[in-house]
Protein backbone atom coordinates (compact mmCIF):
# COMPACT_ATOMS: atom_id res chain seq x y z
CA MET A 1 83.45 158.49 91.04
CA MET A 2 86.61 155.38 91.53
CA MET A 3 87.12 153.83 94.71
CA GLU A 4 90.60 151.68 94.87
CA MET A 5 91.89 149.10 97.84
CA ALA A 6 95.25 147.89 97.45
CA ASN A 7 95.39 144.40 97.28
CA GLY A 8 98.24 141.37 97.04
CA GLY A 9 98.24 141.49 93.12
CA GLY A 10 96.84 144.78 91.53
CA THR A 11 94.05 147.17 93.46
CA GLU A 12 90.62 146.11 94.07
CA LYS A 13 88.46 148.91 92.03
CA THR A 14 84.65 150.36 91.65
CA VAL A 15 83.69 152.30 88.78
CA GLU A 16 79.77 154.00 89.89
CA ASN A 17 78.60 153.80 86.57
CA GLY A 18 80.48 150.49 85.07
CA TRP A 19 82.92 152.51 82.87
CA ASN A 20 85.99 154.21 82.82
CA THR A 21 86.23 157.09 80.57
CA GLY A 22 88.75 157.38 78.01
CA SER A 23 89.92 157.92 74.65
CA GLY A 24 91.61 155.56 71.88
CA ALA A 25 92.74 152.26 72.10
CA LEU A 26 93.46 152.64 75.68
CA GLY A 27 89.71 153.97 76.09
CA LEU A 28 88.11 151.33 74.21
CA GLU A 29 90.57 148.54 76.85
CA GLN A 30 89.59 149.75 79.54
CA ALA A 31 85.90 149.84 78.98
CA GLY A 32 86.30 146.53 78.32
CA ARG A 33 88.32 146.32 81.55
CA PHE A 34 85.50 148.04 83.72
CA ASN A 35 81.93 147.05 81.97
CA ARG A 36 81.18 144.67 84.17
CA LYS A 37 77.97 144.68 85.58
CA ALA A 38 77.56 143.89 89.30
CA VAL A 39 75.05 141.44 90.75
CA LYS A 40 73.72 140.99 94.16
CA VAL A 41 75.40 138.58 96.56
CA GLU A 42 72.13 136.35 96.95
CA GLU A 43 71.56 136.44 92.95
CA ALA A 44 75.49 135.38 92.35
CA GLN A 45 74.57 132.24 94.97
CA GLN A 46 71.72 131.22 93.18
CA ARG A 47 73.26 131.09 90.17
CA VAL A 48 76.22 128.97 91.44
CA LEU A 49 73.64 126.61 92.82
CA ALA A 50 72.02 126.48 89.85
CA ALA A 51 74.71 125.43 87.93
CA ALA A 52 76.32 123.11 90.58
CA ASP A 53 72.57 121.49 90.58
CA GLY A 54 73.51 119.70 87.18
CA LEU A 55 77.12 118.65 88.41
CA ARG A 56 76.97 115.55 89.97
CA LEU A 57 79.14 113.53 90.14
CA GLY A 58 77.14 110.01 91.04
CA SER A 59 78.03 107.73 93.91
CA GLU A 60 79.85 105.42 95.42
CA LEU A 61 79.94 102.36 98.14
CA VAL A 62 82.81 102.81 101.01
CA PRO A 63 83.31 100.38 104.21
CA LEU A 64 81.37 101.75 107.12
CA ARG A 65 84.38 102.64 108.62
CA ALA A 66 85.56 104.88 105.78
CA SER A 67 81.81 106.39 105.71
CA GLY A 68 82.74 109.57 107.96
CA GLY A 69 82.84 113.23 106.56
CA ARG A 70 81.08 111.65 103.96
CA ARG A 71 78.15 112.86 102.27
CA LEU A 72 75.27 109.71 101.87
CA ALA A 73 73.75 109.29 98.59
CA GLN A 74 70.63 107.86 99.34
CA THR A 75 67.90 107.49 102.02
CA ILE A 76 69.21 105.59 104.92
CA GLU A 77 66.47 103.28 106.47
CA ALA A 78 66.25 100.90 109.75
CA SER A 79 66.56 97.35 108.56
CA SER A 80 64.49 96.47 111.78
CA ASP A 81 62.79 97.58 114.63
CA TRP A 82 65.22 99.23 117.41
CA PRO A 83 65.19 97.66 119.90
CA PRO A 84 64.28 95.15 118.12
CA PHE A 85 62.88 93.18 121.01
CA ALA A 86 61.85 94.67 124.58
CA ARG A 87 65.17 95.11 126.65
CA SER A 88 65.99 95.75 130.09
CA GLY A 89 67.87 99.43 130.81
CA LEU A 90 69.75 97.82 133.77
CA ASP A 91 70.97 94.70 136.32
CA GLY A 92 67.81 93.32 138.48
CA TYR A 93 65.01 91.43 137.77
CA ALA A 94 62.21 91.13 135.89
CA VAL A 95 59.32 90.46 137.33
CA ARG A 96 55.15 91.28 137.04
CA ALA A 97 54.45 94.35 138.43
CA ALA A 98 51.13 92.97 140.11
CA ASP A 99 53.36 91.00 142.02
CA ILE A 100 55.25 93.75 143.64
CA ALA A 101 52.52 96.70 143.63
CA GLY A 102 52.41 96.66 147.75
CA ALA A 103 56.40 96.12 148.27
CA SER A 104 57.82 98.00 150.71
CA PRO A 105 61.08 98.30 152.94
CA GLU A 106 59.21 96.96 155.81
CA GLN A 107 56.85 94.36 153.60
CA PRO A 108 59.03 93.26 150.89
CA ALA A 109 57.44 91.38 148.40
CA GLU A 110 59.29 87.49 148.14
CA LEU A 111 59.83 86.13 144.95
CA ARG A 112 61.07 82.50 143.61
CA VAL A 113 63.61 83.49 141.58
CA ILE A 114 63.20 80.89 138.25
CA ASP A 115 66.34 81.85 135.88
CA SER A 116 68.99 84.54 135.14
CA VAL A 117 69.88 85.83 131.40
CA ALA A 118 72.77 87.76 130.25
CA ALA A 119 72.73 89.99 127.09
CA GLY A 120 72.43 88.08 124.12
CA GLY A 121 70.63 85.03 125.75
CA LEU A 122 66.80 84.23 126.55
CA ALA A 123 65.56 83.08 129.55
CA LEU A 124 64.46 79.48 129.50
CA ALA A 125 61.65 79.89 131.62
CA ALA A 126 58.56 82.62 131.04
CA VAL A 127 57.59 84.65 134.32
CA GLN A 128 54.65 83.68 136.48
CA LYS A 129 52.89 84.69 139.25
CA GLY A 130 55.15 84.63 142.15
CA THR A 131 58.02 83.84 140.79
CA ALA A 132 61.54 86.40 138.85
CA VAL A 133 64.40 86.47 136.54
CA ARG A 134 67.43 87.90 137.48
CA ILE A 135 68.61 90.26 134.50
CA MET A 136 71.42 91.91 132.49
CA THR A 137 71.50 95.23 131.16
CA GLY A 138 70.21 94.80 127.51
CA ALA A 139 69.05 91.33 128.10
CA ALA A 140 65.63 90.50 126.57
CA VAL A 141 63.02 90.73 128.89
CA PRO A 142 61.33 87.24 129.67
CA GLU A 143 57.79 86.07 128.30
CA GLY A 144 55.30 87.46 131.35
CA ALA A 145 57.36 89.76 132.82
CA ASP A 146 56.70 93.54 132.39
CA ALA A 147 58.58 95.47 134.72
CA VAL A 148 62.05 95.35 136.06
CA VAL A 149 63.48 96.34 139.50
CA MET A 150 66.92 97.95 139.71
CA LEU A 151 69.50 95.36 141.83
CA GLU A 152 69.62 98.24 144.35
CA GLN A 153 65.93 97.97 145.25
CA THR A 154 66.57 93.89 146.04
CA ALA A 155 67.74 91.34 148.56
CA ASP A 156 68.56 87.87 148.22
CA ALA A 157 66.98 85.27 149.95
CA MET A 158 65.90 81.65 150.18
CA LEU A 159 62.42 79.84 150.36
CA ALA A 160 61.72 76.71 152.77
CA ASP A 161 62.45 74.37 150.35
CA GLY A 162 66.27 75.88 149.46
CA SER A 163 65.46 77.22 146.22
CA PRO A 164 67.01 80.90 145.47
CA ALA A 165 64.31 83.93 146.31
CA VAL A 166 64.66 87.29 146.06
CA LEU A 167 63.17 90.57 148.29
CA ILE A 168 61.68 93.32 146.41
CA LYS A 169 61.48 96.62 148.83
CA ARG A 170 59.82 98.68 146.54
CA ALA A 171 56.91 98.99 145.32
CA GLY A 172 56.81 99.08 140.89
CA THR A 173 55.34 99.83 137.79
CA ALA A 174 54.47 98.25 134.42
CA SER A 175 56.89 99.49 131.68
CA GLN A 176 59.70 100.52 134.41
CA ASN A 177 63.03 99.88 133.18
CA ILE A 178 61.81 98.58 129.97
CA ALA A 179 63.09 99.62 126.83
CA PRO A 180 60.34 98.27 124.34
CA ARG A 181 60.53 96.83 120.70
CA GLY A 182 60.64 99.86 118.44
CA GLU A 183 60.84 102.44 120.85
CA GLU A 184 63.87 103.95 118.84
CA PHE A 185 63.56 103.10 115.21
CA ARG A 186 60.67 101.35 113.74
CA ARG A 187 61.41 99.37 110.67
CA GLY A 188 61.65 101.01 107.12
CA SER A 189 61.93 104.54 109.40
CA ALA A 190 64.48 107.03 108.11
CA LEU A 191 67.57 107.49 109.56
CA ALA A 192 69.15 110.14 107.11
CA VAL A 193 68.25 111.66 104.04
CA PRO A 194 70.98 111.78 100.98
CA GLY A 195 73.25 114.65 101.38
CA THR A 196 73.81 114.20 105.20
CA LEU A 197 77.08 114.71 106.57
CA VAL A 198 78.15 111.24 108.30
CA ARG A 199 79.05 112.13 111.75
CA PRO A 200 80.48 109.51 114.27
CA GLY A 201 76.74 108.94 115.61
CA HIS A 202 75.53 107.92 111.99
CA VAL A 203 77.58 105.58 111.91
CA ALA A 204 76.91 103.64 115.28
CA LEU A 205 73.28 103.93 113.73
CA LEU A 206 74.55 102.29 110.23
CA GLY A 207 76.47 99.67 111.95
CA THR A 208 73.68 98.78 114.08
CA PHE A 209 71.24 98.12 110.99
CA GLY A 210 73.86 95.91 109.02
CA TYR A 211 75.15 98.85 106.95
CA ALA A 212 78.74 97.23 105.97
CA GLU A 213 78.67 99.51 103.20
CA VAL A 214 77.43 103.46 102.66
CA ALA A 215 76.30 104.63 99.59
CA VAL A 216 78.43 108.18 99.46
CA HIS A 217 78.80 110.94 97.12
CA LYS A 218 81.76 110.90 95.09
CA ARG A 219 84.19 113.61 96.39
CA PRO A 220 84.68 116.64 93.85
CA ARG A 221 88.05 116.85 92.70
CA VAL A 222 89.13 120.83 92.73
CA ALA A 223 92.01 122.06 90.94
CA VAL A 224 93.76 125.01 92.85
CA PHE A 225 95.72 127.57 91.06
CA ALA A 226 96.99 130.92 92.26
CA THR A 227 98.24 133.50 89.40
CA GLY A 228 100.52 136.25 89.92
CA SER A 229 103.99 136.71 88.61
CA GLU A 230 105.22 137.99 92.23
CA LEU A 231 104.16 134.41 93.86
CA LEU A 232 106.87 132.12 95.23
CA PRO A 233 106.44 128.63 96.78
CA VAL A 234 105.23 128.40 100.37
CA GLU A 235 109.39 127.02 101.02
CA ALA A 236 110.87 129.84 99.22
CA PRO A 237 112.82 132.01 100.78
CA LEU A 238 111.22 135.92 100.31
CA ALA A 239 112.64 138.00 97.57
CA PRO A 240 112.10 141.55 96.76
CA GLY A 241 109.07 142.51 95.16
CA GLN A 242 107.90 138.90 95.72
CA ILE A 243 105.28 137.24 98.36
CA ARG A 244 104.30 133.43 99.19
CA ASP A 245 101.67 131.65 97.72
CA SER A 246 99.66 130.97 101.08
CA ASN A 247 96.14 131.41 99.35
CA SER A 248 96.54 127.93 97.59
CA CYS A 249 97.00 125.85 100.61
CA MET A 250 94.37 128.27 102.52
CA VAL A 251 91.74 127.19 99.74
CA ALA A 252 92.85 123.74 99.71
CA ALA A 253 92.00 123.12 103.64
CA MET A 254 88.77 124.81 103.02
CA ILE A 255 88.04 122.57 100.03
CA GLU A 256 88.83 119.59 102.28
CA GLN A 257 86.37 121.16 104.64
CA SER A 258 83.80 120.63 102.16
CA GLY A 259 84.35 117.35 101.71
CA ALA A 260 86.18 117.41 98.16
CA GLU A 261 89.63 116.65 97.12
CA PRO A 262 92.08 119.46 96.25
CA VAL A 263 94.55 119.33 93.62
CA LEU A 264 97.23 122.15 94.38
CA CYS A 265 98.36 123.01 91.08
CA GLY A 266 100.91 126.04 91.93
CA SER A 267 101.15 129.12 90.95
CA LEU A 268 100.88 130.96 87.18
CA PRO A 269 102.54 133.64 85.83
CA ASP A 270 100.36 136.77 84.64
CA GLU A 271 99.89 135.46 80.74
CA PRO A 272 96.59 135.09 79.57
CA ALA A 273 97.81 132.64 77.41
CA ALA A 274 100.11 130.20 79.95
CA VAL A 275 97.18 130.43 81.79
CA ALA A 276 94.77 129.32 79.76
CA ALA A 277 96.52 126.35 78.81
CA ALA A 278 96.96 125.28 82.66
CA LEU A 279 93.34 125.50 83.27
CA ALA A 280 92.79 123.51 79.69
CA SER A 281 95.51 120.49 80.90
CA ALA A 282 93.79 120.50 84.58
CA TRP A 283 90.15 120.79 83.18
CA ALA A 284 90.65 116.84 82.36
CA ASP A 285 90.62 115.76 85.85
CA ALA A 286 89.48 118.16 88.04
CA ASP A 287 85.41 118.26 88.17
CA LEU A 288 85.86 122.17 89.33
CA ILE A 289 89.14 124.46 89.34
CA VAL A 290 89.50 127.39 91.47
CA THR A 291 91.76 130.44 90.85
CA THR A 292 93.29 133.27 93.37
CA GLY A 293 94.03 136.40 91.62
CA GLY A 294 94.03 138.36 88.46
CA VAL A 295 90.34 138.88 88.77
CA SER A 296 90.45 142.93 89.07
CA VAL A 297 91.09 145.30 86.32
CA GLY A 298 94.96 145.80 86.39
CA ASP A 299 97.12 145.64 83.51
CA PHE A 300 98.02 142.12 84.25
CA ASP A 301 94.81 140.51 85.78
CA VAL A 302 95.09 137.64 83.80
CA MET A 303 91.44 135.88 84.82
CA SER A 304 89.64 139.20 83.56
CA ASP A 305 90.99 138.52 80.28
CA ILE A 306 89.62 134.79 80.16
CA PHE A 307 86.44 135.66 81.47
CA ARG A 308 86.00 138.40 78.95
CA SER A 309 87.23 135.53 76.69
CA ILE A 310 84.56 132.94 77.27
CA LYS A 311 81.80 135.83 77.71
CA ASN A 312 82.56 136.80 74.09
CA GLY A 313 82.59 133.32 72.86
CA SER A 314 79.44 132.80 74.30
CA GLU A 315 77.81 135.85 72.89
CA THR A 316 79.25 134.61 69.19
CA ASN A 317 78.17 131.36 70.13
CA ARG A 318 81.78 129.39 69.98
CA GLN A 319 83.60 128.04 72.48
CA ASN A 320 86.20 130.59 74.06
CA ARG A 321 88.86 130.64 71.98
CA LEU A 322 91.67 130.91 74.46
CA PHE A 323 90.96 127.37 76.06
CA ARG A 324 90.67 125.71 72.32
CA ASP A 325 94.20 127.30 71.32
CA ASN A 326 95.66 126.96 74.28
CA SER A 327 94.76 123.40 75.32
CA PHE A 328 98.65 121.68 75.18
CA PRO A 329 101.26 123.18 77.64
CA PRO A 330 104.01 125.31 75.66
CA ASP A 331 106.84 122.57 76.55
CA GLY A 332 104.45 120.07 75.32
CA HIS A 333 104.67 117.68 78.31
CA ILE A 334 100.94 116.87 78.84
CA SER A 335 99.25 113.46 80.59
CA ASN A 336 97.51 111.06 78.88
CA THR A 337 94.38 112.18 79.76
CA ALA A 338 94.82 115.77 79.18
CA ARG A 339 96.03 114.98 75.86
CA ALA A 340 92.75 112.73 74.94
CA SER A 341 90.63 115.36 76.51
CA ALA A 342 92.24 118.15 74.69
CA GLU A 343 91.84 116.31 71.19
CA GLY A 344 88.21 115.76 71.94
CA ASN A 345 87.63 119.70 72.42
CA GLU A 346 87.26 120.03 68.68
CA ALA A 347 84.51 116.81 68.68
CA ARG A 348 82.16 119.04 71.07
CA THR A 349 79.09 119.25 70.64
CA ALA A 350 76.99 122.30 70.12
CA SER A 351 75.05 121.74 73.36
CA ASP A 352 78.30 121.14 75.30
CA GLU A 353 79.79 124.80 73.50
CA ALA A 354 76.26 126.00 74.40
CA ALA A 355 77.04 125.17 78.46
CA SER A 356 79.98 127.33 78.72
CA ARG A 357 78.70 130.63 79.89
CA VAL A 358 79.91 133.59 82.68
CA LEU A 359 78.10 133.82 85.39
CA PHE A 360 79.08 136.70 86.91
CA ASP A 361 82.34 138.76 86.76
CA ARG A 362 81.14 141.42 89.50
CA VAL A 363 79.43 140.78 92.61
CA ALA A 364 77.54 143.73 94.58
CA MET A 365 79.89 143.06 97.73
CA ARG A 366 83.32 143.82 99.65
CA PRO A 367 85.73 142.71 100.04
CA GLY A 368 86.17 140.76 96.81
CA SER A 369 83.69 142.30 93.97
CA PRO A 370 85.44 141.30 91.23
CA THR A 371 85.13 137.50 92.36
CA SER A 372 83.94 135.56 89.34
CA ALA A 373 82.31 132.24 87.97
CA ALA A 374 81.69 130.74 84.92
CA VAL A 375 80.51 127.38 83.31
CA ILE A 376 82.92 125.37 80.95
CA GLY A 377 82.03 122.41 79.05
CA GLY A 378 79.20 122.16 82.29
CA LYS A 379 82.33 122.66 85.02
CA LEU A 380 82.19 125.43 87.07
CA LEU A 381 84.99 127.38 87.19
CA PHE A 382 85.74 130.07 90.07
CA ALA A 383 88.46 133.13 89.84
CA LEU A 384 88.70 134.62 93.22
CA SER A 385 90.56 138.17 94.57
CA GLY A 386 94.12 137.31 95.30
CA ASN A 387 93.87 139.34 98.48
CA PRO A 388 93.87 137.27 101.21
CA GLY A 389 90.86 138.16 103.31
CA ALA A 390 88.49 138.79 99.89
CA CYS A 391 89.61 135.07 98.94
CA PHE A 392 88.67 133.93 101.93
CA VAL A 393 84.82 135.58 101.87
CA GLY A 394 84.50 134.76 98.47
CA PHE A 395 85.18 130.98 98.90
CA GLU A 396 82.60 130.92 101.69
CA LEU A 397 79.83 132.49 100.13
CA PHE A 398 80.47 130.94 96.56
CA VAL A 399 82.38 127.60 96.07
CA ARG A 400 81.54 126.27 99.55
CA PRO A 401 77.67 126.20 98.54
CA ALA A 402 78.92 124.64 95.30
CA LEU A 403 80.55 121.84 96.52
CA LEU A 404 78.41 121.24 98.68
CA ARG A 405 75.17 121.22 96.44
CA ILE A 406 77.42 118.87 94.07
CA GLN A 407 77.54 116.33 97.48
CA GLY A 408 73.67 116.34 97.31
CA VAL A 409 73.46 119.02 100.00
CA LYS A 410 70.14 120.81 99.74
CA GLU A 411 70.49 123.29 102.16
CA ALA A 412 74.31 124.90 100.79
CA LEU A 413 73.89 128.12 101.63
CA PRO A 414 75.59 129.14 105.05
CA ARG A 415 74.15 129.21 108.24
CA THR A 416 73.24 132.72 109.51
CA VAL A 417 72.32 133.85 113.19
CA ARG A 418 71.14 137.39 114.37
CA ALA A 419 73.49 139.13 116.69
CA GLN A 420 73.93 142.97 118.42
CA LEU A 421 76.80 144.94 116.59
CA HIS A 422 79.09 145.40 119.39
CA THR A 423 81.24 148.07 118.23
CA ALA A 424 80.43 150.36 115.27
CA VAL A 425 82.06 149.78 112.05
CA ASP A 426 80.97 153.38 110.38
CA LYS A 427 82.89 152.74 106.77
CA PRO A 428 80.26 153.61 104.52
CA SER A 429 80.02 151.18 101.24
CA PRO A 430 77.97 150.87 97.73
CA HIS A 431 77.87 147.45 98.15
CA ASP A 432 77.31 144.94 101.66
CA ARG A 433 80.41 144.41 103.47
CA PHE A 434 81.21 141.31 105.46
CA VAL A 435 83.27 142.04 108.12
CA ARG A 436 85.22 139.28 109.87
CA THR A 437 84.10 139.01 113.52
CA ARG A 438 84.07 136.62 116.44
CA LEU A 439 80.78 135.97 118.39
CA ILE A 440 80.19 136.57 121.97
CA SER A 441 77.21 134.92 124.19
CA ARG A 442 76.20 137.40 126.63
CA SER A 443 74.90 135.62 130.05
CA ASP A 444 71.20 137.38 129.56
CA GLY A 445 71.12 135.09 125.99
CA CYS A 446 72.34 137.68 123.72
CA LEU A 447 74.39 137.03 121.06
CA LEU A 448 77.10 139.22 120.06
CA ALA A 449 79.22 140.36 116.88
CA ASP A 450 82.39 142.25 117.39
CA PRO A 451 84.11 142.77 114.41
CA LEU A 452 87.97 142.04 114.68
CA ALA A 453 90.98 144.62 114.06
CA PHE A 454 92.92 144.07 110.66
CA THR A 455 90.02 142.98 108.27
CA LYS A 456 90.97 145.06 105.36
CA SER A 457 90.60 142.38 101.88
CA SER A 458 94.46 142.17 101.74
CA MET A 459 95.05 141.60 105.43
CA MET A 460 95.12 138.39 106.91
CA ALA A 461 95.70 138.42 110.42
CA SER A 462 91.57 138.03 111.37
CA ILE A 463 91.37 135.18 109.11
CA ALA A 464 91.91 132.55 111.73
CA ASP A 465 90.19 134.42 114.68
CA ALA A 466 87.08 134.86 112.40
CA GLU A 467 83.96 133.32 113.68
CA GLY A 468 81.79 135.02 111.11
CA LEU A 469 81.12 137.60 108.48
CA ALA A 470 79.16 140.25 110.33
CA VAL A 471 76.88 141.56 107.39
CA ILE A 472 76.96 145.46 107.15
CA PRO A 473 74.37 146.87 104.56
CA SER A 474 75.34 149.19 101.77
CA GLY A 475 74.90 152.52 102.74
CA SER A 476 76.48 156.03 103.48
CA LYS A 477 77.04 155.32 107.56
CA GLY A 478 78.01 151.62 107.70
CA ALA A 479 76.23 150.44 111.04
CA GLU A 480 76.10 151.83 114.53
CA ALA A 481 76.83 149.62 117.89
CA GLY A 482 73.93 147.87 118.97
CA GLU A 483 72.13 147.37 115.62
CA ILE A 484 70.79 144.03 114.88
CA ILE A 485 72.78 142.37 111.79
CA GLU A 486 72.96 139.53 109.97
CA VAL A 487 76.09 137.07 110.70
CA ILE A 488 77.40 134.18 108.40
CA LEU A 489 78.63 131.51 110.32
CA ILE A 490 82.13 129.95 109.60
CA PRO A 491 82.37 126.39 109.87
């Protein structure tokens, strides 16, 4: 039995037994296209993360002001206790708690004012019995004082000898309004670990402890291609039978959101040799390649041909022939870096060639079951569906975790929550489905997952409003309203 779903560049098909029967040369060709064993989403993700573990790009030092949004490459430790001294939490008077133990509005405690200290300064005299020091917020608490009384609970006074004094109108206790040394951090304590996304609060901490430069993971450079002879540049007017390439910019935005650098390489025709040549050229300057389209089983799905070439090359212990034989673009234009890389292909070691392999070329999921991934020369290649919805899901499930892991994130898989399904999803599926949804917080604390309209893989209307992907388990009935399901959160 074959299930078929229309998409923007061919069809997304399922062959229940893994084969499409046929005869002659056409039957053999179809068998090659359809014989793609589906792996579970969880297994595919683990394969991707294992491959990404070997793709760390090293670190670089950046100025503190440029560290926001980057991933730390080392553990950041407190260089001193913080606060580095006992400091006042407000404007008032530093006193001995024993001197004001019985103070009240009716019988205030009268203390001689011996000094005044502002933030950044130090009192010249220690607080002794019967004395006080005027103190400002953030200033170091003078020696001898163990409490600070807020200004609003005092009144100015003068002693008989004309020296200044203060009336304390409320009793106090030791340590009140004082931040003790080391209250927040002790010297050597960890502020953040490798892989941490540097947020504005981290920048404040790093500045506090003197980190003028910060070691962060290098940003992966990701080449983005769209395949399909029907694709037009975004700025081009529509033509009969053609559509604009919106996937490339969507993927580029998701790459940037993942902390990496996208390199938009345009669209490619449905010609395997041309696609292979373009990918080989980009490989010199990219750490990872993402393509959209051409992964299904249609006659013009070129990425399927590329992946079969990689698989066949691995099975015969050879670097895949398409990449070797098409290292240069047909017109001869190639950068010096790419040329050097291409010329160096012949000198790759056996271990380099052994590192090239298909991770998967089919995933047990809807949408995007033809989603594929491979390691080529130690770098990752992702081939996502050309359908916008399936492309979006494939990126969230596989590409984003890979980019995060490359940048040192241990928990790189998408965050999930449990939610109650608001409306039924009654469409059966042989594989788990990932349905775009919005999330609603009820007054009783229950989280609802409300599936959006227009969620077919070829539809993009609901992508912008999606707050999560509702995971609908495989089966003959879908999921009923009220069921508790898992929802993958979208950043």
